[in-house]
Amino acid sequence: MKDRPKPPSIRKRTNPSGKKIWVVDYIDPETGNRKRENVGTRKEDADRHANQLYDQMMIKWRGEVLSSKKTRLWMNYLRRSFGIVSIH
C-alpha cells in the first residue's frame, strides 16, 4: 500500500517581471515526482486548486471512483464537519 498523499503547499513567488504569482507545489502520487503549478495572482484560486488536487489524490489513494456524486457529497460533509474553510 502506498503512503498517504501529503497536502500540496501554496507559496507566493515573484516572476522576473516583478509580478507576484501563487504556486501550488505537490508530489504526484503516480510518478513520485515533484510538480509545481503556477495558479495565478489570487490566493483564493491557489487554495481552491490545492484542495481540488488533494481531494483527487485522496480519492485515488482510497480507490474510490472520481466521478461519484456520493464521494463528492461525502468529501464536502467531511470538510464542513472538521471546519476546513476553503471548499472548492
N, C-alpha and C. Protein backbone atom coordinates (compact mmCIF):
# COMPACT_ATOMS: atom_id res chain seq x y z
N MET A 1 0.84 -1.18 0.00
CA MET A 1 0.00 0.00 0.00
C MET A 1 0.88 1.25 0.00
N LYS A 2 0.53 2.20 -0.83
CA LYS A 2 1.28 3.45 -0.90
C LYS A 2 1.02 4.29 0.35
N ASP A 3 1.97 5.18 0.62
CA ASP A 3 1.79 6.10 1.74
C ASP A 3 0.68 7.10 1.42
N ARG A 4 0.09 7.61 2.47
CA ARG A 4 -0.96 8.61 2.30
C ARG A 4 -0.36 9.86 1.65
N PRO A 5 -1.04 10.44 0.64
CA PRO A 5 -0.50 11.63 -0.02
C PRO A 5 -0.45 12.84 0.92
N LYS A 6 0.57 13.65 0.75
CA LYS A 6 0.72 14.85 1.55
C LYS A 6 -0.03 16.00 0.87
N PRO A 7 -0.62 16.90 1.64
CA PRO A 7 -1.34 18.03 1.03
C PRO A 7 -0.39 18.94 0.27
N PRO A 8 -0.84 19.54 -0.82
CA PRO A 8 0.00 20.47 -1.57
C PRO A 8 0.30 21.72 -0.75
N SER A 9 1.48 22.29 -0.99
CA SER A 9 1.82 23.55 -0.32
C SER A 9 1.58 24.71 -1.29
N ILE A 10 1.24 25.85 -0.72
CA ILE A 10 0.95 27.04 -1.51
C ILE A 10 1.93 28.12 -1.09
N ARG A 11 2.57 28.76 -2.07
CA ARG A 11 3.50 29.84 -1.75
C ARG A 11 3.43 30.91 -2.81
N LYS A 12 3.93 32.09 -2.44
CA LYS A 12 3.95 33.22 -3.37
C LYS A 12 5.34 33.31 -3.99
N ARG A 13 5.38 33.61 -5.27
CA ARG A 13 6.64 33.70 -6.00
C ARG A 13 6.63 34.99 -6.81
N THR A 14 7.80 35.57 -7.00
CA THR A 14 7.93 36.77 -7.82
C THR A 14 8.55 36.38 -9.15
N ASN A 15 7.87 36.68 -10.23
CA ASN A 15 8.41 36.44 -11.56
C ASN A 15 9.55 37.43 -11.84
N PRO A 16 10.38 37.15 -12.85
CA PRO A 16 11.42 38.11 -13.22
C PRO A 16 10.85 39.48 -13.62
N SER A 17 9.61 39.50 -14.06
CA SER A 17 8.98 40.78 -14.45
C SER A 17 8.54 41.58 -13.22
N GLY A 18 8.58 40.98 -12.04
CA GLY A 18 8.16 41.66 -10.82
C GLY A 18 6.74 41.33 -10.40
N LYS A 19 6.04 40.55 -11.20
CA LYS A 19 4.65 40.18 -10.89
C LYS A 19 4.64 39.05 -9.86
N LYS A 20 3.76 39.16 -8.86
CA LYS A 20 3.64 38.12 -7.83
C LYS A 20 2.60 37.10 -8.27
N ILE A 21 2.95 35.82 -8.17
CA ILE A 21 2.02 34.75 -8.50
C ILE A 21 2.03 33.71 -7.39
N TRP A 22 0.95 32.94 -7.30
CA TRP A 22 0.83 31.87 -6.33
C TRP A 22 1.15 30.54 -7.01
N VAL A 23 1.92 29.71 -6.32
CA VAL A 23 2.37 28.44 -6.86
C VAL A 23 1.89 27.31 -5.95
N VAL A 24 1.33 26.27 -6.55
CA VAL A 24 0.93 25.07 -5.82
C VAL A 24 2.00 24.02 -6.06
N ASP A 25 2.60 23.53 -4.97
CA ASP A 25 3.71 22.59 -5.04
C ASP A 25 3.27 21.28 -4.40
N TYR A 26 3.41 20.17 -5.12
CA TYR A 26 2.98 18.88 -4.59
C TYR A 26 3.78 17.75 -5.23
N ILE A 27 3.66 16.56 -4.65
CA ILE A 27 4.30 15.37 -5.18
C ILE A 27 3.23 14.51 -5.82
N ASP A 28 3.42 14.22 -7.10
CA ASP A 28 2.46 13.42 -7.85
C ASP A 28 2.52 11.98 -7.33
N PRO A 29 1.41 11.43 -6.82
CA PRO A 29 1.46 10.09 -6.23
C PRO A 29 1.71 8.98 -7.25
N GLU A 30 1.36 9.21 -8.50
CA GLU A 30 1.55 8.17 -9.52
C GLU A 30 3.00 8.04 -9.93
N THR A 31 3.68 9.17 -10.13
CA THR A 31 5.07 9.13 -10.60
C THR A 31 6.07 9.33 -9.49
N GLY A 32 5.66 9.96 -8.39
CA GLY A 32 6.58 10.25 -7.30
C GLY A 32 7.42 11.49 -7.54
N ASN A 33 7.14 12.21 -8.62
CA ASN A 33 7.90 13.42 -8.96
C ASN A 33 7.23 14.65 -8.36
N ARG A 34 8.07 15.63 -8.07
CA ARG A 34 7.57 16.90 -7.55
C ARG A 34 7.04 17.74 -8.71
N LYS A 35 5.87 18.34 -8.50
CA LYS A 35 5.27 19.19 -9.53
C LYS A 35 4.96 20.55 -8.94
N ARG A 36 5.14 21.57 -9.76
CA ARG A 36 4.81 22.94 -9.38
C ARG A 36 3.91 23.52 -10.45
N GLU A 37 2.79 24.08 -10.03
CA GLU A 37 1.86 24.69 -10.97
C GLU A 37 1.64 26.14 -10.60
N ASN A 38 1.87 27.03 -11.56
CA ASN A 38 1.57 28.45 -11.37
C ASN A 38 0.07 28.63 -11.52
N VAL A 39 -0.57 29.13 -10.47
CA VAL A 39 -2.03 29.20 -10.47
C VAL A 39 -2.52 30.58 -10.89
N GLY A 40 -2.00 31.63 -10.34
CA GLY A 40 -2.47 32.97 -10.68
C GLY A 40 -2.09 33.97 -9.62
N THR A 41 -2.71 35.12 -9.68
CA THR A 41 -2.37 36.21 -8.76
C THR A 41 -3.25 36.23 -7.52
N ARG A 42 -4.28 35.39 -7.45
CA ARG A 42 -5.18 35.37 -6.30
C ARG A 42 -4.95 34.13 -5.44
N LYS A 43 -4.82 34.34 -4.12
CA LYS A 43 -4.60 33.22 -3.21
C LYS A 43 -5.81 32.30 -3.14
N GLU A 44 -7.01 32.84 -3.30
CA GLU A 44 -8.22 32.03 -3.26
C GLU A 44 -8.21 30.98 -4.37
N ASP A 45 -7.72 31.37 -5.55
CA ASP A 45 -7.62 30.42 -6.66
C ASP A 45 -6.62 29.32 -6.34
N ALA A 46 -5.50 29.70 -5.71
CA ALA A 46 -4.49 28.71 -5.34
C ALA A 46 -5.04 27.75 -4.28
N ASP A 47 -5.77 28.27 -3.30
CA ASP A 47 -6.38 27.41 -2.27
C ASP A 47 -7.37 26.43 -2.90
N ARG A 48 -8.20 26.94 -3.79
CA ARG A 48 -9.20 26.10 -4.44
C ARG A 48 -8.52 25.00 -5.26
N HIS A 49 -7.47 25.36 -6.00
CA HIS A 49 -6.77 24.38 -6.82
C HIS A 49 -6.07 23.33 -5.95
N ALA A 50 -5.45 23.77 -4.86
CA ALA A 50 -4.77 22.83 -3.96
C ALA A 50 -5.77 21.87 -3.32
N ASN A 51 -6.93 22.36 -2.91
CA ASN A 51 -7.96 21.49 -2.33
C ASN A 51 -8.45 20.47 -3.34
N GLN A 52 -8.63 20.92 -4.57
CA GLN A 52 -9.10 20.02 -5.62
C GLN A 52 -8.05 18.93 -5.90
N LEU A 53 -6.78 19.31 -5.97
CA LEU A 53 -5.72 18.32 -6.19
C LEU A 53 -5.67 17.31 -5.05
N TYR A 54 -5.75 17.81 -3.81
CA TYR A 54 -5.66 16.92 -2.66
C TYR A 54 -6.84 15.96 -2.61
N ASP A 55 -8.04 16.46 -2.93
CA ASP A 55 -9.21 15.58 -2.97
C ASP A 55 -9.02 14.48 -4.00
N GLN A 56 -8.51 14.83 -5.17
CA GLN A 56 -8.29 13.83 -6.22
C GLN A 56 -7.24 12.81 -5.79
N MET A 57 -6.17 13.28 -5.12
CA MET A 57 -5.13 12.36 -4.65
C MET A 57 -5.69 11.40 -3.60
N MET A 58 -6.51 11.92 -2.67
CA MET A 58 -7.07 11.08 -1.62
C MET A 58 -8.07 10.07 -2.19
N ILE A 59 -8.85 10.48 -3.17
CA ILE A 59 -9.81 9.57 -3.78
C ILE A 59 -9.08 8.44 -4.49
N LYS A 60 -8.01 8.76 -5.21
CA LYS A 60 -7.23 7.72 -5.88
C LYS A 60 -6.55 6.82 -4.86
N TRP A 61 -6.07 7.40 -3.75
CA TRP A 61 -5.39 6.62 -2.72
C TRP A 61 -6.35 5.63 -2.06
N ARG A 62 -7.60 6.07 -1.85
CA ARG A 62 -8.60 5.18 -1.24
C ARG A 62 -9.17 4.19 -2.23
N GLY A 63 -9.00 4.45 -3.53
CA GLY A 63 -9.52 3.55 -4.54
C GLY A 63 -10.97 3.81 -4.89
N GLU A 64 -11.44 5.02 -4.66
CA GLU A 64 -12.82 5.35 -4.96
C GLU A 64 -12.93 5.86 -6.40
N VAL A 65 -14.13 5.93 -6.88
CA VAL A 65 -14.39 6.43 -8.23
C VAL A 65 -14.43 7.95 -8.18
N LEU A 66 -13.72 8.61 -9.11
CA LEU A 66 -13.63 10.06 -9.10
C LEU A 66 -14.96 10.75 -9.41
N SER A 67 -15.75 10.18 -10.29
CA SER A 67 -16.94 10.87 -10.74
C SER A 67 -18.17 10.59 -9.88
N SER A 68 -18.01 9.89 -8.80
CA SER A 68 -19.15 9.52 -7.98
C SER A 68 -19.70 10.72 -7.22
N LYS A 69 -21.00 10.96 -7.36
CA LYS A 69 -21.64 12.07 -6.65
C LYS A 69 -21.63 11.81 -5.15
N LYS A 70 -21.79 10.55 -4.77
CA LYS A 70 -21.77 10.18 -3.36
C LYS A 70 -20.42 10.52 -2.74
N THR A 71 -19.33 10.30 -3.49
CA THR A 71 -18.00 10.62 -3.00
C THR A 71 -17.84 12.12 -2.79
N ARG A 72 -18.30 12.92 -3.76
CA ARG A 72 -18.20 14.38 -3.63
C ARG A 72 -18.99 14.88 -2.43
N LEU A 73 -20.19 14.34 -2.24
CA LEU A 73 -21.01 14.75 -1.10
C LEU A 73 -20.34 14.37 0.22
N TRP A 74 -19.74 13.19 0.26
CA TRP A 74 -19.06 12.73 1.47
C TRP A 74 -17.86 13.62 1.78
N MET A 75 -17.07 13.99 0.76
CA MET A 75 -15.90 14.84 0.97
C MET A 75 -16.34 16.22 1.46
N ASN A 76 -17.42 16.77 0.90
CA ASN A 76 -17.92 18.07 1.36
C ASN A 76 -18.40 17.99 2.81
N TYR A 77 -19.06 16.89 3.17
CA TYR A 77 -19.51 16.71 4.55
C TYR A 77 -18.31 16.66 5.50
N LEU A 78 -17.27 15.92 5.13
CA LEU A 78 -16.09 15.83 5.98
C LEU A 78 -15.42 17.19 6.15
N ARG A 79 -15.33 17.95 5.06
CA ARG A 79 -14.72 19.27 5.13
C ARG A 79 -15.48 20.17 6.10
N ARG A 80 -16.81 20.16 5.97
CA ARG A 80 -17.62 21.02 6.83
C ARG A 80 -17.54 20.57 8.29
N SER A 81 -17.55 19.28 8.53
CA SER A 81 -17.57 18.79 9.90
C SER A 81 -16.24 19.01 10.61
N PHE A 82 -15.14 19.06 9.87
CA PHE A 82 -13.84 19.29 10.50
C PHE A 82 -13.40 20.74 10.41
N GLY A 83 -14.27 21.61 9.89
CA GLY A 83 -14.00 23.04 9.92
C GLY A 83 -13.00 23.54 8.90
N ILE A 84 -12.83 22.83 7.79
CA ILE A 84 -11.92 23.31 6.76
C ILE A 84 -12.62 24.44 6.02
N VAL A 85 -11.96 25.59 5.93
CA VAL A 85 -12.61 26.80 5.45
C VAL A 85 -12.82 26.80 3.95
N SER A 86 -11.79 26.54 3.17
CA SER A 86 -11.92 26.70 1.72
C SER A 86 -12.48 25.42 1.10
N ILE A 87 -13.62 25.55 0.46
CA ILE A 87 -14.27 24.44 -0.22
C ILE A 87 -14.37 24.82 -1.68
N HIS A 88 -13.93 23.91 -2.56
CA HIS A 88 -13.95 24.23 -4.00
C HIS A 88 -15.30 24.12 -4.58
